[in-house]
Every structure is written in C-alpha cells, then in structure tokens.
Amino acid sequence: MAQEIRVGGARRVPLAQVAALNPRLLQTLSDGTPISFVPMAAVSAEEAKVTLAADRPYADVRKGYTYFETGDVLVAKITPCFENGKIVEAVLPRQFGFGSTEFHVVRPKPGTLDGRYLHHFLRQERIRVEGQRRMTGSGGQRRVPEDFLAQLAIPLPPLPEQRRIADILNQADALRVKRREALAQLDSLT
C-alpha cells in the first residue's frame, strides 16, 4: 500500500487507491444491447462534456474500442487531445459506453471519491502539464501512460467537501459557457 501524504490539511493518496483505472467489462451483454458510442470528436474540451453519444449495438463495439460506464471519467491519452483538456465525466444516455481507444478510463470508488471532483482535479492545467512531460512515444503519437494517473497524488477531503468543491466548480464552468455564448452573440451582431 502506498504511503499517504498530507498537504494543506487534506490527505493526498495515489489515484489508484481511490479509483479503478481502465476497468474491464465484467458483465455479459447480448449483441443487441444498445451502447452509447463516444468517439474522440464527441468530447468537447471547451464545454468539458460529451457532446454526442450515438446508440450502437454491443456487437458493433465490443472489439476495438474502449469500455466505460456513465459516471466514469474519460481522459484523452494521446497528444494533442490530452494537452487540450479532453477530460470529461461520461454522462451518457445508456449505462454502458464504448469509444476511442485513446481514452484512459478512471472509475471513482463509490463512497470514497466523487466523479465530478475527480473530473475537475484532472482538468487542472498543472496536471495536464505534468502528464505532457510524462508522455511516451514519438512525434504525433505521444501518449500519457496509465502509471502517470495511477501514481498521481490527489487531495482527498471528506466526500461532502468533494461534492461542495465540485458544485462550485460546476457553477464556474456554467458561467464560462454563458460568457462564451454572449461573446459569440456579440460577434454575430457586428
């Protein structure tokens, strides 16, 4: 077990202690089961959300795609998507989703880590800069390794505090979206 680190009053733990990384599908699904399909292009860095999840049958996605579930945090691992902030909490119309093989999937442990809090933590610029430094590969095929996420020390205040922080950050995100919309309307007037 990794050593616990305390910083600024909140203990810090490696992410792998409080979340499953790239979990496997343990349930048997029939070929016709509808799945939410999320390609990389359907992840908006600006809006920090999945903008489109198309229904596909499980038979079409079970091989060659990454599995996740609603509530998981998707982290684009390839350059430049990671650096651009393609990190979202998967809010899907279906329980099960599949998508780009260029996602790391982070599933918070219930009762320990809030998914929205984790989402905001991973989207910080300093985390993206650290992840970029740890990328492996060459040229346009550089990727953030899974062990970067596994070893990442995350501050772990009590769950109600995580939820409070996530609520505040969600409100700030909503204000930024409204600001962008207002600026776009202003541009269209001129």
N, C-alpha and C. Protein backbone atom coordinates (compact mmCIF):
# COMPACT_ATOMS: atom_id res chain seq x y z
N MET A 1 0.84 -1.18 0.00
CA MET A 1 0.00 0.00 0.00
C MET A 1 0.88 1.24 0.00
N ALA A 2 0.54 2.19 -0.87
CA ALA A 2 1.33 3.42 -0.98
C ALA A 2 1.15 4.28 0.25
N GLN A 3 2.17 5.05 0.56
CA GLN A 3 2.14 5.91 1.73
C GLN A 3 1.21 7.09 1.49
N GLU A 4 0.46 7.43 2.53
CA GLU A 4 -0.44 8.57 2.47
C GLU A 4 0.34 9.85 2.70
N ILE A 5 0.02 10.86 1.95
CA ILE A 5 0.71 12.16 2.06
C ILE A 5 -0.31 13.19 2.48
N ARG A 6 0.02 14.04 3.46
CA ARG A 6 -0.88 15.11 3.89
C ARG A 6 -0.30 16.45 3.45
N VAL A 7 -1.13 17.23 2.73
CA VAL A 7 -0.72 18.55 2.26
C VAL A 7 -1.87 19.52 2.54
N GLY A 8 -1.58 20.61 3.20
CA GLY A 8 -2.60 21.63 3.44
C GLY A 8 -3.82 21.11 4.16
N GLY A 9 -3.69 20.13 5.03
CA GLY A 9 -4.80 19.62 5.80
C GLY A 9 -5.55 18.47 5.14
N ALA A 10 -5.57 18.41 3.81
CA ALA A 10 -6.24 17.30 3.12
C ALA A 10 -5.21 16.23 2.80
N ARG A 11 -5.54 15.02 3.14
CA ARG A 11 -4.59 13.95 2.81
C ARG A 11 -4.55 13.74 1.31
N ARG A 12 -3.40 13.31 0.82
CA ARG A 12 -3.23 13.01 -0.60
C ARG A 12 -2.95 11.52 -0.72
N VAL A 13 -3.59 10.92 -1.70
CA VAL A 13 -3.40 9.49 -1.94
C VAL A 13 -3.17 9.28 -3.43
N PRO A 14 -2.47 8.22 -3.79
CA PRO A 14 -2.34 7.91 -5.22
C PRO A 14 -3.73 7.61 -5.79
N LEU A 15 -3.99 8.09 -6.98
CA LEU A 15 -5.29 7.92 -7.61
C LEU A 15 -5.70 6.45 -7.67
N ALA A 16 -4.75 5.56 -7.89
CA ALA A 16 -5.07 4.12 -7.98
C ALA A 16 -5.66 3.56 -6.69
N GLN A 17 -5.49 4.26 -5.56
CA GLN A 17 -6.08 3.80 -4.30
C GLN A 17 -7.57 4.12 -4.21
N VAL A 18 -8.01 5.12 -4.94
CA VAL A 18 -9.39 5.57 -4.80
C VAL A 18 -10.18 5.49 -6.11
N ALA A 19 -9.57 4.89 -7.13
CA ALA A 19 -10.24 4.74 -8.43
C ALA A 19 -9.68 3.54 -9.16
N ALA A 20 -10.52 2.94 -9.98
CA ALA A 20 -10.07 1.86 -10.87
C ALA A 20 -9.66 2.50 -12.18
N LEU A 21 -8.53 2.07 -12.71
CA LEU A 21 -8.02 2.60 -13.98
C LEU A 21 -8.25 1.57 -15.08
N ASN A 22 -8.88 2.03 -16.14
CA ASN A 22 -9.18 1.18 -17.30
C ASN A 22 -9.81 -0.15 -16.89
N PRO A 23 -10.94 -0.09 -16.17
CA PRO A 23 -11.60 -1.33 -15.72
C PRO A 23 -12.13 -2.14 -16.90
N ARG A 24 -12.26 -3.42 -16.67
CA ARG A 24 -12.78 -4.32 -17.70
C ARG A 24 -14.29 -4.51 -17.51
N LEU A 25 -14.97 -4.80 -18.61
CA LEU A 25 -16.39 -5.12 -18.55
C LEU A 25 -16.54 -6.52 -17.95
N LEU A 26 -17.19 -6.61 -16.81
CA LEU A 26 -17.34 -7.88 -16.12
C LEU A 26 -18.70 -8.52 -16.36
N GLN A 27 -19.59 -7.78 -16.98
CA GLN A 27 -20.95 -8.24 -17.23
C GLN A 27 -21.04 -8.80 -18.65
N THR A 28 -21.89 -9.79 -18.83
CA THR A 28 -22.12 -10.33 -20.17
C THR A 28 -23.28 -9.57 -20.80
N LEU A 29 -23.03 -9.01 -21.97
CA LEU A 29 -24.06 -8.27 -22.69
C LEU A 29 -24.43 -9.02 -23.97
N SER A 30 -25.69 -8.93 -24.36
CA SER A 30 -26.09 -9.56 -25.61
C SER A 30 -25.67 -8.66 -26.77
N ASP A 31 -25.51 -9.25 -27.94
CA ASP A 31 -25.05 -8.50 -29.11
C ASP A 31 -25.95 -7.31 -29.45
N GLY A 32 -27.22 -7.42 -29.15
CA GLY A 32 -28.16 -6.35 -29.50
C GLY A 32 -28.29 -5.26 -28.44
N THR A 33 -27.61 -5.40 -27.31
CA THR A 33 -27.72 -4.39 -26.25
C THR A 33 -27.28 -3.03 -26.76
N PRO A 34 -28.14 -2.00 -26.62
CA PRO A 34 -27.73 -0.66 -27.07
C PRO A 34 -26.65 -0.08 -26.16
N ILE A 35 -25.63 0.49 -26.78
CA ILE A 35 -24.46 1.06 -26.11
C ILE A 35 -24.34 2.52 -26.55
N SER A 36 -23.89 3.38 -25.64
CA SER A 36 -23.56 4.76 -26.01
C SER A 36 -22.16 4.76 -26.61
N PHE A 37 -22.04 5.21 -27.86
CA PHE A 37 -20.74 5.24 -28.52
C PHE A 37 -20.23 6.67 -28.53
N VAL A 38 -18.98 6.84 -28.05
CA VAL A 38 -18.40 8.18 -27.91
C VAL A 38 -17.03 8.22 -28.60
N PRO A 39 -16.96 8.75 -29.83
CA PRO A 39 -15.65 8.94 -30.46
C PRO A 39 -14.95 10.15 -29.84
N MET A 40 -13.66 10.28 -30.05
CA MET A 40 -12.90 11.40 -29.50
C MET A 40 -13.50 12.74 -29.94
N ALA A 41 -14.00 12.81 -31.16
CA ALA A 41 -14.56 14.06 -31.67
C ALA A 41 -15.81 14.49 -30.90
N ALA A 42 -16.44 13.57 -30.16
CA ALA A 42 -17.64 13.90 -29.39
C ALA A 42 -17.32 14.39 -27.99
N VAL A 43 -16.04 14.57 -27.69
CA VAL A 43 -15.62 15.09 -26.39
C VAL A 43 -15.17 16.53 -26.58
N SER A 44 -15.86 17.43 -25.89
CA SER A 44 -15.54 18.85 -26.01
C SER A 44 -14.65 19.29 -24.86
N ALA A 45 -13.46 19.79 -25.20
CA ALA A 45 -12.55 20.32 -24.18
C ALA A 45 -13.09 21.64 -23.64
N GLU A 46 -13.68 22.45 -24.50
CA GLU A 46 -14.22 23.75 -24.08
C GLU A 46 -15.39 23.60 -23.13
N GLU A 47 -16.32 22.71 -23.45
CA GLU A 47 -17.51 22.53 -22.63
C GLU A 47 -17.29 21.49 -21.53
N ALA A 48 -16.20 20.75 -21.60
CA ALA A 48 -15.86 19.71 -20.63
C ALA A 48 -16.97 18.68 -20.50
N LYS A 49 -17.47 18.22 -21.66
CA LYS A 49 -18.53 17.22 -21.63
C LYS A 49 -18.56 16.43 -22.93
N VAL A 50 -19.29 15.32 -22.89
CA VAL A 50 -19.55 14.54 -24.09
C VAL A 50 -20.67 15.26 -24.82
N THR A 51 -20.43 15.66 -26.06
CA THR A 51 -21.42 16.45 -26.80
C THR A 51 -22.37 15.57 -27.61
N LEU A 52 -21.97 14.34 -27.90
CA LEU A 52 -22.82 13.44 -28.69
C LEU A 52 -22.46 12.01 -28.38
N ALA A 53 -23.45 11.24 -28.00
CA ALA A 53 -23.25 9.80 -27.77
C ALA A 53 -24.29 9.08 -28.62
N ALA A 54 -23.82 8.39 -29.65
CA ALA A 54 -24.72 7.69 -30.57
C ALA A 54 -24.98 6.28 -30.06
N ASP A 55 -26.19 5.80 -30.27
CA ASP A 55 -26.52 4.42 -29.92
C ASP A 55 -25.96 3.47 -30.98
N ARG A 56 -25.33 2.43 -30.50
CA ARG A 56 -24.86 1.35 -31.37
C ARG A 56 -25.11 0.04 -30.65
N PRO A 57 -25.29 -1.05 -31.40
CA PRO A 57 -25.43 -2.34 -30.73
C PRO A 57 -24.07 -2.82 -30.21
N TYR A 58 -24.10 -3.52 -29.10
CA TYR A 58 -22.88 -4.03 -28.47
C TYR A 58 -22.02 -4.81 -29.46
N ALA A 59 -22.63 -5.57 -30.36
CA ALA A 59 -21.88 -6.38 -31.33
C ALA A 59 -20.95 -5.51 -32.17
N ASP A 60 -21.34 -4.26 -32.43
CA ASP A 60 -20.52 -3.37 -33.27
C ASP A 60 -19.34 -2.75 -32.54
N VAL A 61 -19.37 -2.76 -31.21
CA VAL A 61 -18.34 -2.02 -30.46
C VAL A 61 -17.52 -2.88 -29.50
N ARG A 62 -17.88 -4.14 -29.33
CA ARG A 62 -17.23 -4.95 -28.29
C ARG A 62 -15.75 -5.19 -28.54
N LYS A 63 -15.32 -5.09 -29.79
CA LYS A 63 -13.90 -5.27 -30.09
C LYS A 63 -13.36 -4.00 -30.74
N GLY A 64 -12.18 -3.59 -30.31
CA GLY A 64 -11.52 -2.46 -30.93
C GLY A 64 -11.88 -1.10 -30.35
N TYR A 65 -12.63 -1.09 -29.26
CA TYR A 65 -13.00 0.17 -28.62
C TYR A 65 -12.79 0.07 -27.11
N THR A 66 -12.78 1.21 -26.45
CA THR A 66 -12.58 1.27 -25.01
C THR A 66 -13.93 1.26 -24.31
N TYR A 67 -14.06 0.41 -23.29
CA TYR A 67 -15.28 0.29 -22.50
C TYR A 67 -15.27 1.28 -21.33
N PHE A 68 -16.43 1.85 -21.03
CA PHE A 68 -16.60 2.69 -19.85
C PHE A 68 -18.09 2.71 -19.49
N GLU A 69 -18.41 3.32 -18.37
CA GLU A 69 -19.80 3.43 -17.93
C GLU A 69 -20.10 4.87 -17.59
N THR A 70 -21.39 5.19 -17.57
CA THR A 70 -21.78 6.53 -17.17
C THR A 70 -21.25 6.80 -15.76
N GLY A 71 -20.68 7.98 -15.57
CA GLY A 71 -20.07 8.32 -14.29
C GLY A 71 -18.56 8.17 -14.28
N ASP A 72 -18.01 7.41 -15.21
CA ASP A 72 -16.55 7.29 -15.31
C ASP A 72 -15.98 8.59 -15.85
N VAL A 73 -14.70 8.82 -15.58
CA VAL A 73 -14.02 9.98 -16.13
C VAL A 73 -13.15 9.50 -17.28
N LEU A 74 -13.34 10.11 -18.45
CA LEU A 74 -12.57 9.76 -19.65
C LEU A 74 -11.45 10.78 -19.80
N VAL A 75 -10.23 10.27 -19.95
CA VAL A 75 -9.05 11.12 -20.10
C VAL A 75 -8.41 10.79 -21.43
N ALA A 76 -8.42 11.74 -22.36
CA ALA A 76 -7.75 11.53 -23.64
C ALA A 76 -6.27 11.33 -23.35
N LYS A 77 -5.69 10.26 -23.87
CA LYS A 77 -4.29 9.99 -23.55
C LYS A 77 -3.32 10.41 -24.65
N ILE A 78 -3.82 10.70 -25.83
CA ILE A 78 -2.94 11.00 -26.96
C ILE A 78 -2.79 12.51 -27.14
N THR A 79 -1.61 12.90 -27.66
CA THR A 79 -1.38 14.30 -27.98
C THR A 79 -2.12 14.64 -29.27
N PRO A 80 -2.66 15.80 -29.48
CA PRO A 80 -2.76 16.95 -28.58
C PRO A 80 -4.02 16.95 -27.73
N CYS A 81 -4.83 15.88 -27.81
CA CYS A 81 -6.12 15.87 -27.11
C CYS A 81 -5.94 16.02 -25.59
N PHE A 82 -4.94 15.35 -25.02
CA PHE A 82 -4.71 15.47 -23.58
C PHE A 82 -4.37 16.91 -23.20
N GLU A 83 -3.43 17.49 -23.91
CA GLU A 83 -3.00 18.85 -23.60
C GLU A 83 -4.13 19.86 -23.78
N ASN A 84 -5.04 19.58 -24.72
CA ASN A 84 -6.17 20.47 -24.98
C ASN A 84 -7.27 20.34 -23.93
N GLY A 85 -7.18 19.35 -23.07
CA GLY A 85 -8.15 19.21 -21.99
C GLY A 85 -9.35 18.34 -22.29
N LYS A 86 -9.19 17.36 -23.17
CA LYS A 86 -10.30 16.45 -23.44
C LYS A 86 -10.36 15.43 -22.30
N ILE A 87 -10.93 15.91 -21.20
CA ILE A 87 -11.09 15.13 -19.97
C ILE A 87 -12.51 15.42 -19.50
N VAL A 88 -13.36 14.39 -19.47
CA VAL A 88 -14.77 14.60 -19.16
C VAL A 88 -15.31 13.51 -18.25
N GLU A 89 -16.35 13.86 -17.50
CA GLU A 89 -17.12 12.84 -16.80
C GLU A 89 -18.13 12.34 -17.82
N ALA A 90 -18.19 11.03 -18.01
CA ALA A 90 -19.09 10.45 -19.01
C ALA A 90 -20.52 10.47 -18.49
N VAL A 91 -21.31 11.41 -18.98
CA VAL A 91 -22.73 11.46 -18.70
C VAL A 91 -23.39 10.97 -19.98
N LEU A 92 -23.89 9.74 -19.93
CA LEU A 92 -24.36 9.05 -21.13
C LEU A 92 -25.84 8.72 -21.05
N PRO A 93 -26.50 8.56 -22.20
CA PRO A 93 -27.90 8.13 -22.17
C PRO A 93 -28.05 6.66 -21.77
N ARG A 94 -27.00 5.88 -21.92
CA ARG A 94 -27.01 4.45 -21.56
C ARG A 94 -26.02 4.21 -20.43
N GLN A 95 -26.18 3.10 -19.72
CA GLN A 95 -25.23 2.78 -18.64
C GLN A 95 -23.85 2.46 -19.19
N PHE A 96 -23.82 1.71 -20.29
CA PHE A 96 -22.55 1.27 -20.86
C PHE A 96 -22.17 2.12 -22.06
N GLY A 97 -20.89 2.43 -22.15
CA GLY A 97 -20.39 3.18 -23.28
C GLY A 97 -19.12 2.54 -23.82
N PHE A 98 -18.86 2.79 -25.07
CA PHE A 98 -17.61 2.40 -25.72
C PHE A 98 -17.19 3.58 -26.57
N GLY A 99 -15.89 3.70 -26.77
CA GLY A 99 -15.41 4.81 -27.58
C GLY A 99 -13.97 4.64 -27.97
N SER A 100 -13.34 5.73 -28.26
CA SER A 100 -11.97 5.76 -28.76
C SER A 100 -11.02 4.93 -27.88
N THR A 101 -10.11 4.26 -28.54
CA THR A 101 -9.06 3.53 -27.80
C THR A 101 -8.05 4.49 -27.20
N GLU A 102 -8.18 5.77 -27.49
CA GLU A 102 -7.26 6.78 -26.97
C GLU A 102 -7.77 7.42 -25.67
N PHE A 103 -8.71 6.74 -24.98
CA PHE A 103 -9.17 7.17 -23.67
C PHE A 103 -8.56 6.30 -22.59
N HIS A 104 -8.13 6.92 -21.50
CA HIS A 104 -7.95 6.23 -20.23
C HIS A 104 -9.28 6.38 -19.51
N VAL A 105 -9.72 5.35 -18.84
CA VAL A 105 -10.97 5.39 -18.10
C VAL A 105 -10.63 5.34 -16.61
N VAL A 106 -11.18 6.30 -15.86
CA VAL A 106 -10.95 6.36 -14.42
C VAL A 106 -12.32 6.25 -13.74
N ARG A 107 -12.50 5.18 -12.95
CA ARG A 107 -13.77 4.94 -12.27
C ARG A 107 -13.59 5.16 -10.77
N PRO A 108 -14.17 6.27 -10.24
CA PRO A 108 -14.05 6.54 -8.81
C PRO A 108 -14.66 5.42 -7.96
N LYS A 109 -14.01 5.11 -6.83
CA LYS A 109 -14.57 4.13 -5.91
C LYS A 109 -15.72 4.78 -5.15
N PRO A 110 -16.92 4.17 -5.22
CA PRO A 110 -18.08 4.75 -4.55
C PRO A 110 -17.82 4.94 -3.05
N GLY A 111 -18.32 6.04 -2.53
CA GLY A 111 -18.16 6.32 -1.11
C GLY A 111 -16.81 6.88 -0.73
N THR A 112 -15.91 7.00 -1.72
CA THR A 112 -14.55 7.49 -1.45
C THR A 112 -14.21 8.72 -2.27
N LEU A 113 -14.57 8.67 -3.56
CA LEU A 113 -14.18 9.73 -4.49
C LEU A 113 -15.37 10.13 -5.35
N ASP A 114 -15.65 11.42 -5.40
CA ASP A 114 -16.72 11.96 -6.23
C ASP A 114 -16.21 12.14 -7.66
N GLY A 115 -16.95 11.65 -8.64
CA GLY A 115 -16.52 11.73 -10.04
C GLY A 115 -16.39 13.15 -10.55
N ARG A 116 -17.27 14.03 -10.12
CA ARG A 116 -17.19 15.43 -10.58
C ARG A 116 -15.94 16.10 -9.99
N TYR A 117 -15.64 15.80 -8.74
CA TYR A 117 -14.43 16.35 -8.09
C TYR A 117 -13.19 15.85 -8.84
N LEU A 118 -13.17 14.54 -9.13
CA LEU A 118 -12.05 13.96 -9.88
C LEU A 118 -11.91 14.62 -11.24
N HIS A 119 -13.01 14.81 -11.93
CA HIS A 119 -13.01 15.44 -13.25
C HIS A 119 -12.34 16.81 -13.18
N HIS A 120 -12.75 17.63 -12.22
CA HIS A 120 -12.17 18.97 -12.09
C HIS A 120 -10.69 18.91 -11.71
N PHE A 121 -10.34 17.97 -10.85
CA PHE A 121 -8.93 17.83 -10.45
C PHE A 121 -8.06 17.50 -11.67
N LEU A 122 -8.49 16.56 -12.49
CA LEU A 122 -7.69 16.13 -13.64
C LEU A 122 -7.61 17.19 -14.73
N ARG A 123 -8.57 18.09 -14.79
CA ARG A 123 -8.58 19.13 -15.83
C ARG A 123 -7.65 20.30 -15.50
N GLN A 124 -7.08 20.34 -14.31
CA GLN A 124 -6.19 21.44 -13.96
C GLN A 124 -5.02 21.52 -14.93
N GLU A 125 -4.63 22.72 -15.25
CA GLU A 125 -3.52 22.91 -16.19
C GLU A 125 -2.24 22.25 -15.68
N ARG A 126 -1.96 22.36 -14.38
CA ARG A 126 -0.73 21.79 -13.85
C ARG A 126 -0.71 20.26 -14.01
N ILE A 127 -1.85 19.62 -13.92
CA ILE A 127 -1.93 18.17 -14.11
C ILE A 127 -1.66 17.85 -15.58
N ARG A 128 -2.24 18.64 -16.47
CA ARG A 128 -2.02 18.40 -17.90
C ARG A 128 -0.57 18.64 -18.29
N VAL A 129 0.08 19.64 -17.68
CA VAL A 129 1.49 19.90 -17.96
C VAL A 129 2.35 18.73 -17.45
N GLU A 130 2.05 18.25 -16.24
CA GLU A 130 2.80 17.09 -15.70
C GLU A 130 2.61 15.86 -16.59
N GLY A 131 1.36 15.64 -17.02
CA GLY A 131 1.08 14.50 -17.89
C GLY A 131 1.80 14.60 -19.22
N GLN A 132 1.87 15.81 -19.76
CA GLN A 132 2.58 16.02 -21.03
C GLN A 132 4.06 15.67 -20.87
N ARG A 133 4.64 16.03 -19.75
CA ARG A 133 6.06 15.72 -19.50
C ARG A 133 6.31 14.22 -19.42
N ARG A 134 5.31 13.47 -18.98
CA ARG A 134 5.46 12.02 -18.80
C ARG A 134 5.07 11.21 -20.03
N MET A 135 4.63 11.89 -21.09
CA MET A 135 4.20 11.18 -22.29
C MET A 135 5.32 10.32 -22.86
N THR A 136 4.91 9.21 -23.45
CA THR A 136 5.86 8.32 -24.13
C THR A 136 5.47 8.24 -25.60
N GLY A 137 6.37 7.75 -26.41
CA GLY A 137 6.12 7.65 -27.84
C GLY A 137 6.88 8.72 -28.58
N SER A 138 6.62 8.81 -29.88
CA SER A 138 7.33 9.81 -30.68
C SER A 138 6.37 10.54 -31.60
N GLY A 139 6.79 11.72 -32.00
CA GLY A 139 6.02 12.52 -32.96
C GLY A 139 4.61 12.77 -32.49
N GLY A 140 3.66 12.63 -33.39
CA GLY A 140 2.25 12.86 -33.10
C GLY A 140 1.57 11.70 -32.40
N GLN A 141 2.34 10.70 -32.01
CA GLN A 141 1.77 9.52 -31.36
C GLN A 141 2.18 9.41 -29.90
N ARG A 142 2.41 10.53 -29.25
CA ARG A 142 2.78 10.52 -27.83
C ARG A 142 1.54 10.34 -26.97
N ARG A 143 1.69 9.53 -25.90
CA ARG A 143 0.55 9.21 -25.03
C ARG A 143 0.91 9.33 -23.56
N VAL A 144 -0.07 9.69 -22.75
CA VAL A 144 0.09 9.72 -21.30
C VAL A 144 0.00 8.27 -20.81
N PRO A 145 1.02 7.78 -20.10
CA PRO A 145 0.97 6.39 -19.63
C PRO A 145 -0.01 6.23 -18.46
N GLU A 146 -0.57 5.05 -18.35
CA GLU A 146 -1.51 4.75 -17.27
C GLU A 146 -0.88 4.96 -15.90
N ASP A 147 0.41 4.64 -15.76
CA ASP A 147 1.04 4.78 -14.44
C ASP A 147 1.15 6.23 -13.99
N PHE A 148 1.12 7.20 -14.93
CA PHE A 148 1.08 8.60 -14.53
C PHE A 148 -0.19 8.85 -13.71
N LEU A 149 -1.32 8.38 -14.22
CA LEU A 149 -2.58 8.55 -13.50
C LEU A 149 -2.59 7.74 -12.21
N ALA A 150 -2.11 6.51 -12.26
CA ALA A 150 -2.13 5.64 -11.08
C ALA A 150 -1.36 6.25 -9.92
N GLN A 151 -0.23 6.88 -10.21
CA GLN A 151 0.63 7.44 -9.16
C GLN A 151 0.29 8.87 -8.79
N LEU A 152 -0.59 9.51 -9.54
CA LEU A 152 -0.94 10.91 -9.31
C LEU A 152 -1.54 11.08 -7.92
N ALA A 153 -0.94 11.94 -7.11
CA ALA A 153 -1.43 12.19 -5.76
C ALA A 153 -2.61 13.15 -5.81
N ILE A 154 -3.75 12.69 -5.34
CA ILE A 154 -4.97 13.51 -5.36
C ILE A 154 -5.35 13.88 -3.93
N PRO A 155 -5.62 15.17 -3.68
CA PRO A 155 -6.09 15.56 -2.35
C PRO A 155 -7.46 14.91 -2.11
N LEU A 156 -7.64 14.34 -0.92
CA LEU A 156 -8.86 13.60 -0.65
C LEU A 156 -9.57 14.12 0.60
N PRO A 157 -10.24 15.28 0.47
CA PRO A 157 -11.05 15.73 1.59
C PRO A 157 -12.25 14.79 1.75
N PRO A 158 -13.01 14.92 2.84
CA PRO A 158 -14.20 14.08 3.01
C PRO A 158 -15.16 14.25 1.82
N LEU A 159 -15.94 13.23 1.55
CA LEU A 159 -16.85 13.21 0.39
C LEU A 159 -17.79 14.43 0.34
N PRO A 160 -18.39 14.85 1.45
CA PRO A 160 -19.25 16.05 1.35
C PRO A 160 -18.46 17.29 0.89
N GLU A 161 -17.21 17.41 1.31
CA GLU A 161 -16.38 18.54 0.88
C GLU A 161 -16.04 18.42 -0.61
N GLN A 162 -15.77 17.20 -1.08
CA GLN A 162 -15.52 16.99 -2.51
C GLN A 162 -16.73 17.44 -3.32
N ARG A 163 -17.91 17.08 -2.85
CA ARG A 163 -19.15 17.45 -3.56
C ARG A 163 -19.35 18.97 -3.56
N ARG A 164 -19.05 19.61 -2.43
CA ARG A 164 -19.18 21.07 -2.34
C ARG A 164 -18.23 21.75 -3.33
N ILE A 165 -16.99 21.28 -3.37
CA ILE A 165 -16.00 21.84 -4.31
C ILE A 165 -16.46 21.63 -5.75
N ALA A 166 -16.94 20.43 -6.05
CA ALA A 166 -17.41 20.13 -7.41
C ALA A 166 -18.59 21.01 -7.79
N ASP A 167 -19.51 21.26 -6.86
CA ASP A 167 -20.66 22.13 -7.15
C ASP A 167 -20.20 23.53 -7.51
N ILE A 168 -19.25 24.06 -6.74
CA ILE A 168 -18.73 25.41 -7.01
C ILE A 168 -18.06 25.47 -8.38
N LEU A 169 -17.24 24.46 -8.68
CA LEU A 169 -16.54 24.44 -9.97
C LEU A 169 -17.51 24.23 -11.13
N ASN A 170 -18.56 23.45 -10.93
CA ASN A 170 -19.58 23.29 -11.96
C ASN A 170 -20.27 24.62 -12.26
N GLN A 171 -20.56 25.40 -11.20
CA GLN A 171 -21.17 26.71 -11.39
C GLN A 171 -20.24 27.63 -12.17
N ALA A 172 -18.95 27.59 -11.85
CA ALA A 172 -17.97 28.41 -12.57
C ALA A 172 -17.92 28.01 -14.04
N ASP A 173 -17.96 26.71 -14.32
CA ASP A 173 -17.97 26.23 -15.71
C ASP A 173 -19.21 26.73 -16.44
N ALA A 174 -20.37 26.69 -15.78
CA ALA A 174 -21.61 27.16 -16.41
C ALA A 174 -21.52 28.64 -16.74
N LEU A 175 -20.91 29.41 -15.86
CA LEU A 175 -20.73 30.84 -16.13
C LEU A 175 -19.81 31.08 -17.32
N ARG A 176 -18.75 30.27 -17.43
CA ARG A 176 -17.84 30.41 -18.57
C ARG A 176 -18.55 30.10 -19.88
N VAL A 177 -19.39 29.07 -19.87
CA VAL A 177 -20.14 28.71 -21.08
C VAL A 177 -21.07 29.87 -21.47
N LYS A 178 -21.77 30.44 -20.50
CA LYS A 178 -22.66 31.58 -20.79
C LYS A 178 -21.87 32.77 -21.33
N ARG A 179 -20.71 33.00 -20.79
CA ARG A 179 -19.86 34.10 -21.25
C ARG A 179 -19.46 33.89 -22.71
N ARG A 180 -19.03 32.65 -23.03
CA ARG A 180 -18.66 32.35 -24.42
C ARG A 180 -19.85 32.55 -25.36
N GLU A 181 -21.04 32.13 -24.93
CA GLU A 181 -22.25 32.28 -25.76
C GLU A 181 -22.56 33.76 -25.97
N ALA A 182 -22.43 34.55 -24.91
CA ALA A 182 -22.68 36.01 -25.02
C ALA A 182 -21.68 36.65 -25.97
N LEU A 183 -20.42 36.27 -25.88
CA LEU A 183 -19.40 36.82 -26.78
C LEU A 183 -19.67 36.41 -28.23
N ALA A 184 -20.12 35.18 -28.43
CA ALA A 184 -20.44 34.72 -29.79
C ALA A 184 -21.61 35.53 -30.34
N GLN A 185 -22.60 35.83 -29.51
CA GLN A 185 -23.74 36.64 -29.97
C GLN A 185 -23.29 38.06 -30.30
N LEU A 186 -22.40 38.60 -29.49
CA LEU A 186 -21.86 39.93 -29.76
C LEU A 186 -21.13 39.96 -31.09
N ASP A 187 -20.34 38.94 -31.34
CA ASP A 187 -19.61 38.85 -32.63
C ASP A 187 -20.59 38.79 -33.80
N SER A 188 -21.69 38.07 -33.63
CA SER A 188 -22.65 37.94 -34.73
C SER A 188 -23.38 39.27 -34.99
N LEU A 189 -23.50 40.12 -33.98
CA LEU A 189 -24.13 41.42 -34.16
C LEU A 189 -23.26 42.37 -34.99
N THR A 190 -21.97 42.23 -34.87
CA THR A 190 -21.06 43.13 -35.60
C THR A 190 -20.86 42.56 -36.96
